[in-house]
Every structure is written in structure tokens, then in C-alpha cells.
Amino acid sequence: MRTTLTLEPDIARSLQERARREGRSFKDVVNESLRRGLASKPARPSKKRFTVKPHEGGFRPGIDPLKLNQLNDEIEVEGLMEETSGTNPAR
């Protein structure tokens, strides 16, 4: 197929130099370059890497981290006692 193509001066110069250096026609060098370019995978845009920035969590004054489940345990014990004594109002 015959077509007219306008090349940037630096691209045209590089293609001409390559054709001369390799002893090939300008047309062959252009076609080979286009084939290589079209066959390569497109460059994926680089994604900015997500990073986690840790911070000091800590507890408010007066909260004992060793007793966090104490209330839950007490509620479970009360529930079990009600079930075993038969006084569970949910029944």
C-alpha cells in the first residue's frame, strides 16, 4: 500500500542512518520498525504503590487492655447460669 507519511526530523534521520548502516532500503527499515512497535505490548502506566502508615493506637486512660473481654465473659456466665437453672426468660 502506498501512503504519504510525515515523520519528525529526528525519526527520519535515525531511520535513514539505520538504512544506510545496514545497507537496506528506507522502506524496509520503516516497515520493520513499525512491525516491532506494533507487536510490542503497550507500556502500562505505573501505579503508585499503596503504603500503610502505622500510628500509635494506644488506649484512653482508665482502660485496661487486659480486661477488654471481662464484660463479655460476665454476660456469657450469667446466660449459662440462667439456662442451667431454668430461669431464662427467653425460653
N, C-alpha and C. Protein backbone atom coordinates (compact mmCIF):
# COMPACT_ATOMS: atom_id res chain seq x y z
N MET A 1 0.84 -1.17 0.00
CA MET A 1 0.00 0.00 0.00
C MET A 1 0.89 1.24 0.00
N ARG A 2 0.56 2.15 -0.83
CA ARG A 2 1.33 3.38 -0.94
C ARG A 2 0.62 4.44 -0.13
N THR A 3 1.40 5.16 0.71
CA THR A 3 0.80 6.22 1.53
C THR A 3 1.85 7.30 1.78
N THR A 4 1.37 8.47 2.12
CA THR A 4 2.27 9.57 2.46
C THR A 4 2.29 9.69 3.98
N LEU A 5 3.49 9.78 4.51
CA LEU A 5 3.67 9.82 5.95
C LEU A 5 4.65 10.94 6.29
N THR A 6 4.27 11.80 7.23
CA THR A 6 5.16 12.87 7.65
C THR A 6 5.84 12.44 8.94
N LEU A 7 7.17 12.35 8.89
CA LEU A 7 7.95 11.92 10.05
C LEU A 7 8.61 13.12 10.71
N GLU A 8 8.77 13.03 12.00
CA GLU A 8 9.54 14.05 12.72
C GLU A 8 10.97 13.98 12.20
N PRO A 9 11.68 15.10 12.13
CA PRO A 9 13.03 15.12 11.57
C PRO A 9 14.00 14.15 12.26
N ASP A 10 13.93 14.05 13.58
CA ASP A 10 14.87 13.16 14.27
C ASP A 10 14.58 11.69 13.98
N ILE A 11 13.31 11.34 13.81
CA ILE A 11 12.93 9.96 13.48
C ILE A 11 13.39 9.62 12.07
N ALA A 12 13.14 10.54 11.13
CA ALA A 12 13.54 10.32 9.74
C ALA A 12 15.06 10.15 9.65
N ARG A 13 15.79 10.98 10.40
CA ARG A 13 17.25 10.89 10.39
C ARG A 13 17.72 9.53 10.93
N SER A 14 17.12 9.09 12.03
CA SER A 14 17.50 7.80 12.61
C SER A 14 17.21 6.64 11.66
N LEU A 15 16.06 6.69 11.00
CA LEU A 15 15.71 5.62 10.06
C LEU A 15 16.66 5.63 8.85
N GLN A 16 16.98 6.81 8.35
CA GLN A 16 17.89 6.90 7.21
C GLN A 16 19.28 6.39 7.57
N GLU A 17 19.76 6.77 8.76
CA GLU A 17 21.08 6.29 9.19
C GLU A 17 21.10 4.78 9.34
N ARG A 18 20.03 4.24 9.89
CA ARG A 18 19.96 2.79 10.06
C ARG A 18 19.93 2.08 8.70
N ALA A 19 19.16 2.61 7.78
CA ALA A 19 19.08 2.01 6.44
C ALA A 19 20.45 2.03 5.77
N ARG A 20 21.17 3.16 5.88
CA ARG A 20 22.49 3.26 5.28
C ARG A 20 23.48 2.31 5.96
N ARG A 21 23.45 2.29 7.31
CA ARG A 21 24.38 1.45 8.07
C ARG A 21 24.18 -0.04 7.78
N GLU A 22 22.92 -0.46 7.60
CA GLU A 22 22.62 -1.87 7.38
C GLU A 22 22.53 -2.24 5.90
N GLY A 23 22.67 -1.23 5.02
CA GLY A 23 22.62 -1.49 3.58
C GLY A 23 21.24 -1.95 3.13
N ARG A 24 20.22 -1.42 3.74
CA ARG A 24 18.84 -1.79 3.41
C ARG A 24 18.09 -0.58 2.89
N SER A 25 16.94 -0.83 2.31
CA SER A 25 16.14 0.30 1.81
C SER A 25 15.42 0.99 2.97
N PHE A 26 15.15 2.27 2.76
CA PHE A 26 14.45 3.05 3.76
C PHE A 26 13.09 2.43 4.06
N LYS A 27 12.41 2.00 3.01
CA LYS A 27 11.09 1.37 3.14
C LYS A 27 11.15 0.14 4.05
N ASP A 28 12.16 -0.71 3.87
CA ASP A 28 12.29 -1.92 4.69
C ASP A 28 12.52 -1.58 6.17
N VAL A 29 13.36 -0.59 6.41
CA VAL A 29 13.65 -0.19 7.79
C VAL A 29 12.40 0.39 8.45
N VAL A 30 11.66 1.21 7.73
CA VAL A 30 10.42 1.79 8.28
C VAL A 30 9.42 0.67 8.59
N ASN A 31 9.22 -0.25 7.64
CA ASN A 31 8.26 -1.34 7.85
C ASN A 31 8.66 -2.22 9.04
N GLU A 32 9.95 -2.54 9.14
CA GLU A 32 10.40 -3.38 10.25
C GLU A 32 10.18 -2.65 11.59
N SER A 33 10.50 -1.37 11.62
CA SER A 33 10.33 -0.59 12.85
C SER A 33 8.87 -0.52 13.26
N LEU A 34 8.00 -0.32 12.31
CA LEU A 34 6.56 -0.28 12.60
C LEU A 34 6.06 -1.64 13.09
N ARG A 35 6.52 -2.71 12.44
CA ARG A 35 6.10 -4.06 12.88
C ARG A 35 6.52 -4.33 14.32
N ARG A 36 7.76 -3.98 14.65
CA ARG A 36 8.25 -4.18 16.03
C ARG A 36 7.43 -3.36 17.02
N GLY A 37 7.18 -2.14 16.67
CA GLY A 37 6.41 -1.26 17.56
C GLY A 37 5.00 -1.76 17.76
N LEU A 38 4.37 -2.24 16.69
CA LEU A 38 3.00 -2.72 16.81
C LEU A 38 2.92 -4.07 17.52
N ALA A 39 3.98 -4.86 17.45
CA ALA A 39 3.98 -6.18 18.07
C ALA A 39 4.26 -6.11 19.57
N SER A 40 4.91 -5.05 20.01
CA SER A 40 5.25 -4.96 21.44
C SER A 40 4.02 -4.60 22.25
N LYS A 41 4.04 -5.04 23.50
CA LYS A 41 2.93 -4.74 24.40
C LYS A 41 2.99 -3.26 24.78
N PRO A 42 1.84 -2.63 24.87
CA PRO A 42 1.86 -1.22 25.28
C PRO A 42 2.34 -1.09 26.71
N ALA A 43 3.05 -0.02 26.97
CA ALA A 43 3.58 0.21 28.32
C ALA A 43 2.43 0.50 29.26
N ARG A 44 2.39 -0.22 30.38
CA ARG A 44 1.34 0.01 31.37
C ARG A 44 1.74 1.21 32.22
N PRO A 45 0.77 2.06 32.49
CA PRO A 45 1.11 3.19 33.35
C PRO A 45 1.47 2.68 34.74
N SER A 46 2.51 3.24 35.31
CA SER A 46 2.93 2.76 36.63
C SER A 46 1.95 3.28 37.67
N LYS A 47 1.53 2.37 38.54
CA LYS A 47 0.60 2.73 39.60
C LYS A 47 1.41 3.08 40.84
N LYS A 48 0.95 4.10 41.50
CA LYS A 48 1.63 4.49 42.73
C LYS A 48 1.37 3.40 43.77
N ARG A 49 2.41 2.94 44.39
CA ARG A 49 2.30 1.86 45.37
C ARG A 49 1.62 2.37 46.64
N PHE A 50 0.64 1.59 47.12
CA PHE A 50 -0.08 1.94 48.33
C PHE A 50 0.75 1.52 49.54
N THR A 51 0.94 2.42 50.46
CA THR A 51 1.68 2.08 51.67
C THR A 51 0.82 2.41 52.89
N VAL A 52 0.93 1.56 53.89
CA VAL A 52 0.21 1.76 55.14
C VAL A 52 1.12 2.52 56.09
N LYS A 53 0.58 3.58 56.66
CA LYS A 53 1.35 4.37 57.61
C LYS A 53 0.83 4.05 59.01
N PRO A 54 1.59 3.28 59.78
CA PRO A 54 1.13 2.92 61.12
C PRO A 54 1.14 4.12 62.06
N HIS A 55 0.29 4.05 63.05
CA HIS A 55 0.29 5.09 64.08
C HIS A 55 0.09 4.46 65.45
N GLU A 56 0.45 5.18 66.46
CA GLU A 56 0.32 4.70 67.83
C GLU A 56 -1.15 4.64 68.18
N GLY A 57 -1.67 3.44 68.42
CA GLY A 57 -3.09 3.28 68.74
C GLY A 57 -3.36 3.69 70.18
N GLY A 58 -2.81 2.93 71.07
CA GLY A 58 -2.97 3.23 72.49
C GLY A 58 -4.41 3.14 72.95
N PHE A 59 -4.62 3.19 74.26
CA PHE A 59 -5.95 3.19 74.86
C PHE A 59 -6.11 4.46 75.67
N ARG A 60 -7.36 4.84 75.86
CA ARG A 60 -7.64 6.00 76.69
C ARG A 60 -7.26 5.69 78.14
N PRO A 61 -6.95 6.71 78.88
CA PRO A 61 -6.62 6.48 80.29
C PRO A 61 -7.80 5.81 81.01
N GLY A 62 -7.48 4.84 81.85
CA GLY A 62 -8.51 4.14 82.62
C GLY A 62 -8.97 2.85 81.98
N ILE A 63 -8.59 2.57 80.73
CA ILE A 63 -8.98 1.33 80.06
C ILE A 63 -7.83 0.35 80.19
N ASP A 64 -8.14 -0.81 80.77
CA ASP A 64 -7.12 -1.84 80.96
C ASP A 64 -7.24 -2.83 79.81
N PRO A 65 -6.25 -2.88 78.90
CA PRO A 65 -6.36 -3.78 77.75
C PRO A 65 -6.44 -5.26 78.14
N LEU A 66 -6.02 -5.60 79.34
CA LEU A 66 -6.08 -6.99 79.77
C LEU A 66 -7.49 -7.39 80.19
N LYS A 67 -8.38 -6.40 80.38
CA LYS A 67 -9.75 -6.69 80.82
C LYS A 67 -10.79 -6.38 79.74
N LEU A 68 -10.39 -6.29 78.49
CA LEU A 68 -11.32 -5.92 77.42
C LEU A 68 -12.47 -6.91 77.26
N ASN A 69 -12.23 -8.18 77.50
CA ASN A 69 -13.29 -9.19 77.33
C ASN A 69 -13.98 -9.54 78.64
N GLN A 70 -13.66 -8.84 79.71
CA GLN A 70 -14.23 -9.18 81.02
C GLN A 70 -15.76 -9.05 81.02
N LEU A 71 -16.30 -7.97 80.49
CA LEU A 71 -17.75 -7.78 80.47
C LEU A 71 -18.42 -8.86 79.64
N ASN A 72 -17.84 -9.18 78.49
CA ASN A 72 -18.40 -10.23 77.64
C ASN A 72 -18.41 -11.57 78.37
N ASP A 73 -17.33 -11.87 79.05
CA ASP A 73 -17.26 -13.12 79.82
C ASP A 73 -18.32 -13.15 80.91
N GLU A 74 -18.51 -12.04 81.60
CA GLU A 74 -19.52 -11.98 82.66
C GLU A 74 -20.92 -12.21 82.11
N ILE A 75 -21.22 -11.62 80.97
CA ILE A 75 -22.54 -11.79 80.35
C ILE A 75 -22.75 -13.25 79.95
N GLU A 76 -21.71 -13.88 79.38
CA GLU A 76 -21.83 -15.29 79.00
C GLU A 76 -22.07 -16.17 80.21
N VAL A 77 -21.36 -15.92 81.29
CA VAL A 77 -21.53 -16.71 82.52
C VAL A 77 -22.95 -16.56 83.05
N GLU A 78 -23.47 -15.34 83.08
CA GLU A 78 -24.84 -15.12 83.56
C GLU A 78 -25.84 -15.87 82.69
N GLY A 79 -25.60 -15.85 81.38
CA GLY A 79 -26.51 -16.56 80.47
C GLY A 79 -26.48 -18.06 80.71
N LEU A 80 -25.31 -18.61 80.92
CA LEU A 80 -25.20 -20.05 81.19
C LEU A 80 -25.87 -20.42 82.50
N MET A 81 -25.70 -19.57 83.51
CA MET A 81 -26.31 -19.84 84.81
C MET A 81 -27.83 -19.82 84.70
N GLU A 82 -28.37 -18.88 83.91
CA GLU A 82 -29.82 -18.81 83.74
C GLU A 82 -30.33 -20.05 83.00
N GLU A 83 -29.60 -20.49 81.99
CA GLU A 83 -30.01 -21.68 81.23
C GLU A 83 -30.02 -22.92 82.11
N THR A 84 -29.00 -23.09 82.91
CA THR A 84 -28.91 -24.30 83.74
C THR A 84 -29.90 -24.26 84.90
N SER A 85 -30.27 -23.07 85.38
CA SER A 85 -31.22 -23.02 86.49
C SER A 85 -32.65 -23.00 86.00
N GLY A 86 -32.85 -22.82 84.70
CA GLY A 86 -34.19 -22.83 84.13
C GLY A 86 -34.92 -21.52 84.31
N THR A 87 -34.25 -20.46 84.65
CA THR A 87 -34.90 -19.17 84.84
C THR A 87 -34.66 -18.24 83.66
N ASN A 88 -34.31 -18.79 82.53
CA ASN A 88 -34.03 -17.97 81.36
C ASN A 88 -35.35 -17.43 80.81
N PRO A 89 -35.58 -16.12 80.84
CA PRO A 89 -36.83 -15.57 80.36
C PRO A 89 -37.01 -15.69 78.85
N ALA A 90 -35.94 -15.96 78.12
CA ALA A 90 -36.02 -16.08 76.65
C ALA A 90 -36.69 -17.38 76.25
N ARG A 91 -36.84 -18.35 77.15
CA ARG A 91 -37.43 -19.65 76.82
C ARG A 91 -38.92 -19.59 76.79
